Amino acid sequence: MILQNIMLFKFLFKKKKKKKLQDKSENKFAMNNWMNLTKEERVKIDFNEKKKIMRKKKELLKSIRDEYIKMKKENNEY
């Protein structure tokens, strides 16, 4: 029983290490692609990503405000 637990732990631990190494190589590959782009292309991509992130933040804030308004109305009814 103990031996099985140890083997299972080793198996799971090795899997996690491989994933970390793979992530590092993917990040390095993405960085190389990014550096191969021209300045204008990098600025354009960065601008689009910032715009997308800002849109998501605004949607989240709107949903939070709407939820707060609902809660406030429910509390005032009582």
Protein backbone atom coordinates (compact mmCIF):
# COMPACT_ATOMS: atom_id res chain seq x y z
CA MET A 1 0.00 0.00 0.00
CA ILE A 2 2.74 2.44 0.96
CA LEU A 3 4.80 1.46 -2.07
CA GLN A 4 1.82 2.14 -4.34
CA ASN A 5 1.37 5.59 -2.80
CA ILE A 6 5.04 6.38 -3.30
CA MET A 7 4.95 5.27 -6.92
CA LEU A 8 1.81 7.31 -7.55
CA PHE A 9 3.41 10.38 -5.99
CA LYS A 10 6.54 9.97 -8.14
CA PHE A 11 4.42 9.57 -11.26
CA LEU A 12 2.42 12.73 -10.55
CA PHE A 13 5.51 14.70 -9.61
CA LYS A 14 7.31 13.81 -12.85
CA LYS A 15 4.31 14.86 -14.93
CA LYS A 16 4.29 18.32 -13.34
CA LYS A 17 7.99 18.82 -14.05
CA LYS A 18 7.54 17.99 -17.72
CA LYS A 19 4.70 20.50 -18.02
CA LYS A 20 6.84 23.25 -16.52
CA LEU A 21 9.66 22.58 -18.97
CA GLN A 22 7.22 22.58 -21.86
CA ASP A 23 5.71 25.90 -20.73
CA LYS A 24 9.15 27.49 -20.59
CA SER A 25 9.96 26.39 -24.12
CA GLU A 26 6.61 27.68 -25.39
CA ASN A 27 7.19 31.04 -23.71
CA LYS A 28 10.67 31.23 -25.23
CA PHE A 29 9.24 30.43 -28.67
CA ALA A 30 6.57 33.12 -28.28
CA MET A 31 9.24 35.63 -27.21
CA ASN A 32 11.33 34.83 -30.29
CA ASN A 33 8.31 35.34 -32.54
CA TRP A 34 7.55 38.63 -30.78
CA MET A 35 11.11 39.88 -31.29
CA ASN A 36 11.02 38.98 -34.99
CA LEU A 37 8.07 41.30 -35.57
CA THR A 38 8.61 44.88 -36.68
CA LYS A 39 8.02 47.69 -34.22
CA GLU A 40 4.79 48.69 -35.97
CA GLU A 41 3.46 45.13 -35.78
CA ARG A 42 4.30 44.88 -32.07
CA VAL A 43 2.61 48.21 -31.35
CA LYS A 44 -0.49 47.15 -33.29
CA ILE A 45 -0.74 43.81 -31.48
CA ASP A 46 -0.15 45.45 -28.11
CA PHE A 47 -2.81 48.09 -28.82
CA ASN A 48 -5.36 45.43 -29.81
CA GLU A 49 -4.63 43.37 -26.67
CA LYS A 50 -4.98 46.43 -24.43
CA LYS A 51 -8.26 47.31 -26.13
CA LYS A 52 -9.57 43.75 -25.64
CA ILE A 53 -8.55 43.74 -21.97
CA MET A 54 -10.16 47.13 -21.37
CA ARG A 55 -13.40 45.93 -22.96
CA LYS A 56 -13.44 42.89 -20.64
CA LYS A 57 -12.77 45.11 -17.60
CA LYS A 58 -15.61 47.43 -18.55
CA GLU A 59 -18.00 44.49 -18.98
CA LEU A 60 -16.99 43.13 -15.60
CA LEU A 61 -17.49 46.50 -13.90
CA LYS A 62 -20.89 46.87 -15.54
CA SER A 63 -21.99 43.44 -14.32
CA ILE A 64 -20.73 44.24 -10.80
CA ARG A 65 -22.64 47.53 -10.78
CA ASP A 66 -25.80 45.84 -12.03
CA GLU A 67 -25.51 43.18 -9.36
CA TYR A 68 -24.96 45.82 -6.69
CA ILE A 69 -28.05 47.71 -7.84
CA LYS A 70 -30.11 44.49 -7.66
CA MET A 71 -28.88 43.79 -4.15
CA LYS A 72 -29.59 47.33 -3.05
CA LYS A 73 -33.16 47.14 -4.39
CA GLU A 74 -33.76 43.79 -2.69
CA ASN A 75 -32.53 45.17 0.65
CA ASN A 76 -34.73 48.24 0.37
CA GLU A 77 -37.83 46.11 -0.18
CA TYR A 78 -37.56 44.57 3.28
